[in-house]
Amino acid sequence: QVQLVESGGGSVQAGGSLRLSCAASGYTYSSKCFGWFRQAPDKEREGVASIVTGGGSTYYADSVKGRFTISQDKAKNTVYLQMNSLKPEDSAMYYCLAAPTVACSQLTVVPGRLLNGYLELWGQGTLVTVSS
């Protein structure tokens, strides 16, 4: 069964850090794009970061560049999102995603209303709340 399970969300003050984890199962992990998108109430869905598992190429939304880092542990089939210098506007439900490798570079630039068309699967989400 193909599955993505997120963990690591929580509440933090502005300037703080959180690390999200996404455990992937049922995939051929070595040849896939994994990443994260987020959605806040009354805001458009946004692709945050993505990584090509084979070559390790990473992509970030402009809104998180320099603050968020996506990484992977191939032995654990797990992708991480390290979030530093968090801002209240980062508050959202964060979803782990899986997509074809060829789509990976598009996930952080495509309009949010079109994002679903690029995805194969996403998880249940984990909530991140950043207070000022």
Protein backbone atom coordinates (compact mmCIF):
# COMPACT_ATOMS: atom_id res chain seq x y z
CA GLN A 1 0.00 0.00 0.00
CA VAL A 2 1.36 3.40 -1.02
CA GLN A 3 1.38 5.72 1.94
CA LEU A 4 2.84 9.01 3.16
CA VAL A 5 2.80 9.68 6.90
CA GLU A 6 3.75 13.10 8.25
CA SER A 7 4.87 14.03 11.74
CA GLY A 8 6.56 16.89 13.53
CA GLY A 9 4.09 19.73 13.39
CA GLY A 10 3.31 21.87 16.39
CA SER A 11 3.20 25.36 17.81
CA VAL A 12 6.19 27.65 18.01
CA GLN A 13 6.90 31.33 18.45
CA ALA A 14 8.10 33.49 15.60
CA GLY A 15 11.78 32.95 14.98
CA GLY A 16 11.64 29.37 16.18
CA SER A 17 12.22 26.10 14.34
CA LEU A 18 10.40 22.88 13.59
CA ARG A 19 11.29 19.76 11.65
CA LEU A 20 8.67 17.85 9.73
CA SER A 21 9.12 14.21 8.73
CA CYS A 22 7.45 12.22 5.97
CA ALA A 23 7.78 8.44 5.93
CA ALA A 24 7.06 6.99 2.50
CA SER A 25 6.05 3.38 2.00
CA GLY A 26 5.01 1.37 -1.01
CA TYR A 27 7.16 3.42 -3.41
CA THR A 28 10.28 2.73 -5.36
CA TYR A 29 11.94 5.39 -3.27
CA SER A 30 15.04 5.81 -5.41
CA SER A 31 13.19 7.34 -8.38
CA LYS A 32 10.54 9.71 -7.12
CA CYS A 33 9.89 13.31 -6.25
CA PHE A 34 8.81 13.98 -2.69
CA GLY A 35 8.07 17.28 -1.06
CA TRP A 36 5.71 19.47 0.89
CA PHE A 37 2.90 21.80 0.18
CA ARG A 38 0.94 23.89 2.65
CA GLN A 39 -2.49 25.34 2.91
CA ALA A 40 -3.74 27.97 5.31
CA PRO A 41 -7.37 28.98 5.77
CA ASP A 42 -8.52 31.36 3.04
CA LYS A 43 -5.20 31.08 1.21
CA GLU A 44 -4.21 29.27 -1.95
CA ARG A 45 -2.32 26.02 -1.67
CA GLU A 46 1.46 26.55 -2.03
CA GLY A 47 4.20 24.16 -3.00
CA VAL A 48 6.91 24.73 -0.40
CA ALA A 49 9.82 22.43 -1.23
CA SER A 50 10.59 19.30 -3.22
CA ILE A 51 13.43 16.87 -3.71
CA VAL A 52 14.32 14.34 -6.38
CA THR A 53 15.29 11.24 -4.45
CA GLY A 54 17.66 9.84 -7.06
CA GLY A 55 19.85 12.84 -7.80
CA GLY A 56 19.06 14.93 -4.75
CA SER A 57 18.02 18.09 -6.60
CA THR A 58 15.98 20.40 -4.40
CA TYR A 59 13.51 23.18 -5.14
CA TYR A 60 12.02 25.85 -2.89
CA ALA A 61 9.28 28.43 -3.02
CA ASP A 62 10.63 31.98 -2.90
CA SER A 63 8.73 32.53 0.35
CA VAL A 64 10.86 29.95 2.20
CA LYS A 65 14.25 30.12 0.48
CA GLY A 66 17.05 30.52 2.98
CA ARG A 67 14.82 29.45 5.88
CA PHE A 68 13.59 25.95 5.00
CA THR A 69 15.70 22.94 4.02
CA ILE A 70 14.41 19.71 2.52
CA SER A 71 16.49 16.58 2.95
CA GLN A 72 16.18 12.85 2.83
CA ASP A 73 17.31 9.67 4.56
CA LYS A 74 17.27 7.02 1.86
CA ALA A 75 17.80 4.21 4.34
CA LYS A 76 14.61 5.20 6.13
CA ASN A 77 12.59 6.22 3.04
CA THR A 78 11.98 9.48 4.86
CA VAL A 79 11.98 13.09 3.75
CA TYR A 80 12.44 15.97 6.18
CA LEU A 81 11.59 19.65 6.12
CA GLN A 82 13.70 21.72 8.50
CA MET A 83 11.95 25.03 9.07
CA ASN A 84 13.95 27.83 10.68
CA SER A 85 13.19 31.49 11.36
CA LEU A 86 9.51 30.71 11.27
CA LYS A 87 7.05 33.53 10.70
CA PRO A 88 3.35 33.76 11.54
CA GLU A 89 2.60 33.61 7.81
CA ASP A 90 4.14 30.11 7.76
CA SER A 91 1.21 28.87 9.82
CA ALA A 92 -0.66 26.26 7.80
CA MET A 93 -1.43 22.60 7.40
CA TYR A 94 1.63 21.02 5.81
CA TYR A 95 1.19 18.01 3.54
CA CYS A 96 3.80 15.60 2.31
CA LEU A 97 3.50 14.89 -1.39
CA ALA A 98 4.72 12.44 -4.00
CA ALA A 99 5.01 13.30 -7.66
CA PRO A 100 6.72 12.12 -10.84
CA THR A 101 10.36 13.11 -11.01
CA VAL A 102 9.76 15.21 -14.14
CA ALA A 103 7.29 17.39 -12.21
CA CYS A 104 9.58 18.12 -9.28
CA SER A 105 10.90 21.48 -10.46
CA GLN A 106 7.37 22.75 -11.11
CA LEU A 107 5.83 22.06 -7.72
CA THR A 108 7.15 25.22 -6.07
CA VAL A 109 6.23 27.58 -8.90
CA VAL A 110 2.93 26.32 -10.28
CA PRO A 111 -0.18 28.21 -9.11
CA GLY A 112 -1.71 26.51 -6.12
CA ARG A 113 -5.03 25.88 -7.86
CA LEU A 114 -3.16 23.72 -10.40
CA LEU A 115 -0.90 21.87 -7.95
CA ASN A 116 -3.11 18.81 -7.58
CA GLY A 117 -2.62 18.03 -11.25
CA TYR A 118 1.07 17.40 -10.64
CA LEU A 119 0.69 15.12 -7.62
CA GLU A 120 0.35 11.38 -7.30
CA LEU A 121 -0.40 11.28 -3.61
CA TRP A 122 -0.34 13.37 -0.45
CA GLY A 123 -0.57 12.62 3.23
CA GLN A 124 -3.06 13.59 5.90
CA GLY A 125 -1.16 16.71 6.88
CA THR A 126 0.43 18.08 10.02
CA LEU A 127 -0.43 21.46 11.51
CA VAL A 128 2.16 24.17 12.03
CA THR A 129 1.21 27.22 14.08
CA VAL A 130 3.58 30.16 14.48
CA SER A 131 2.65 32.83 16.97
CA SER A 132 3.95 36.38 16.96
